[in-house]
C-alpha cells in the first residue's frame, strides 16, 4: 500500500461518511415506519441517520489498520490490522460478517480467530487481504488460503460459461458455480489486482486490464455492449508502451476506472444517471475526464454511485457522484450530497489519504496517522463525555486534562498511569481503553466487550452531538464548542 519508511507508514486511521443505518441503506421503509408519502429513497435519506462529513471510526482508533474493504453493492465493510486480525461492521442478515450469526452489528467487531495446524504446530490465521460483495465476504490469509462467508445461493462466481441449459418447454435455466474454478484465460498471467462491479470483473496483469461479465453501458471498455464469458484485454491498456498500461484498477456498480503509468485517471461505463456518461450516453471505452486533466493520483475507488480519487502529492481528496443521497461524498454538513463533477472534499483539505474504498451509501478512507488536523475531525459514534478526570473524579484544573484518543474521556496529566510529564506527540489512550484493547487480543469477538463501543469506558454517557477532541483541553481553540 505504501513504502515502509518512517514518513510513509503502512497503516492508517479509518474515516467513514454516509449512511450508517446498515439495514436500511438503499432500501425503502417497511409499511408503517414512515408516512406513505415518504417512501422514495431521497426522502428516506433525511429520515435515516447519516454522516454528512467524514468521521474517525472510534472503535478502530487504537488499531493499526492496513486494509479497508467494501463494495459498490455492500452495506458492510472489512478492516484488517497490521497483526492480521479482521474487523467487520454493517449489514449481516446473510451472515456476511463471518461472526457465526445473522445479528446486526452497527459498530466494528473482531472476527473470531481461526487456527490452523501444520504438523504439531498450531497458529492463528493472519489475514492480509479482503474483498466484499453484496451479501458475502472473502478473506485471504498470509499463507494463501481463502475464506468466505455469507450468501452463496448464486455461487458468487463463473468461468467461461454462463451455466445455461435447456429445461422443459425450451426454458433457459442458469446454474450457479458454487465452487471456485480456475479462470482459464488468465492461467498463464501474473494477476496483481482483481475488482468487481455489480455484474462485471476487472483483472490487472502486467499493466494490461482484462474485463469480463455483463457488458451493459460499456462497463467492460470494449466499445460495445456485449457480455463476455471470458476475460478480454482492453485495447487502451494493452499497448507495448508501459506508460499507457494500467497501474491500478477499480470498479463501481456500472462503471470501471484505472490509473495509467503516469497516474492519470481513466473512466468508462455508466457513472451518472443523466447526460454524458449517463444511461443514455455511457462511455463505451476508457476516456480521461477533462476536470481531472493534469492531476496525478495514487488511489481510486468506485461505489454504487460514487467515485473517489486520492492525489499523489496534494493533501486532499476528490470525490463526485450523481444520486449520492446518503451524503457518502462527505462534502460536509449543509453541503450538497451529490455532484456530477469532481470536487475537493473541503473538510479533508490538508489531510493526506492512503487509500479509499466505496460501498453502498457509505465511503471509507484510510488516513495517514500523526497528522495534526486529524484531531479536528469528529469521531463516530458521537459520545457525550463527563467533564471531570476519570481517575480522581475532580473537575478542577480542567486545562491540564489529557483526552483519550478513543473515548474522549479526560485524565489529569498527573493522574495518568503510567504518569506522563507532558502531552505526548503520539496517540494516547486511557486505562479503560487500554484494558479493553488487551482483552480484545485474548478474547473471541463474541464477547460483549468488543462488540459495543459503549463498553470502552465506564465514564461515557449516551451518544449526543458533541464536537471533536484535541490532545488536551489546554490546546483547544476558542471555537471548541463548534459541533461536528
Foldseek 3Di string as FASTA:
>chain_A
DWDVDPVIHLFFFKKKWFALPQVPFVHFDDPPPDPPVQGDNLSVLVVGDTHLAIFTAQLCPPFGWRDKEEAQQAQKIWTAGPQQWIKIAGQQCFPQRQQPDRDHFSHIFTHFWDWDDDDNDIDTWGWDDKYYDNFKIWTATPVGDIDMGGDCQQLPDAELDQQWDADPPRDIDGHHNNDDDDNVVCPVFDWDDKEDAQFKIWTAGLLWIWIFGQQAQQQRAALDGDGHRHTDTHPQQPDPDQQSGFDDKEDENFKIWTAGNQQAIWIWGQQACDDCSHNVHTGNHIDGDPVCPPFHFDEWEYHHRKIKTFGPPFQWIKMFGYPLSRSQVNLDPPDDSGHPDIDTSVLRGPWHWDYWYYYRRMIMTGTHPLDQSSQQHHHPPAWDFDCAAPQVRHNPPQQQWFAQPNPRYTHHQCRAVVHDPDQDSHGDHGPLQVVLVVVSVPDTSVDPSRRDPCSSDPRIDDGDWAGGHHRGNNPDDPVRRDTD
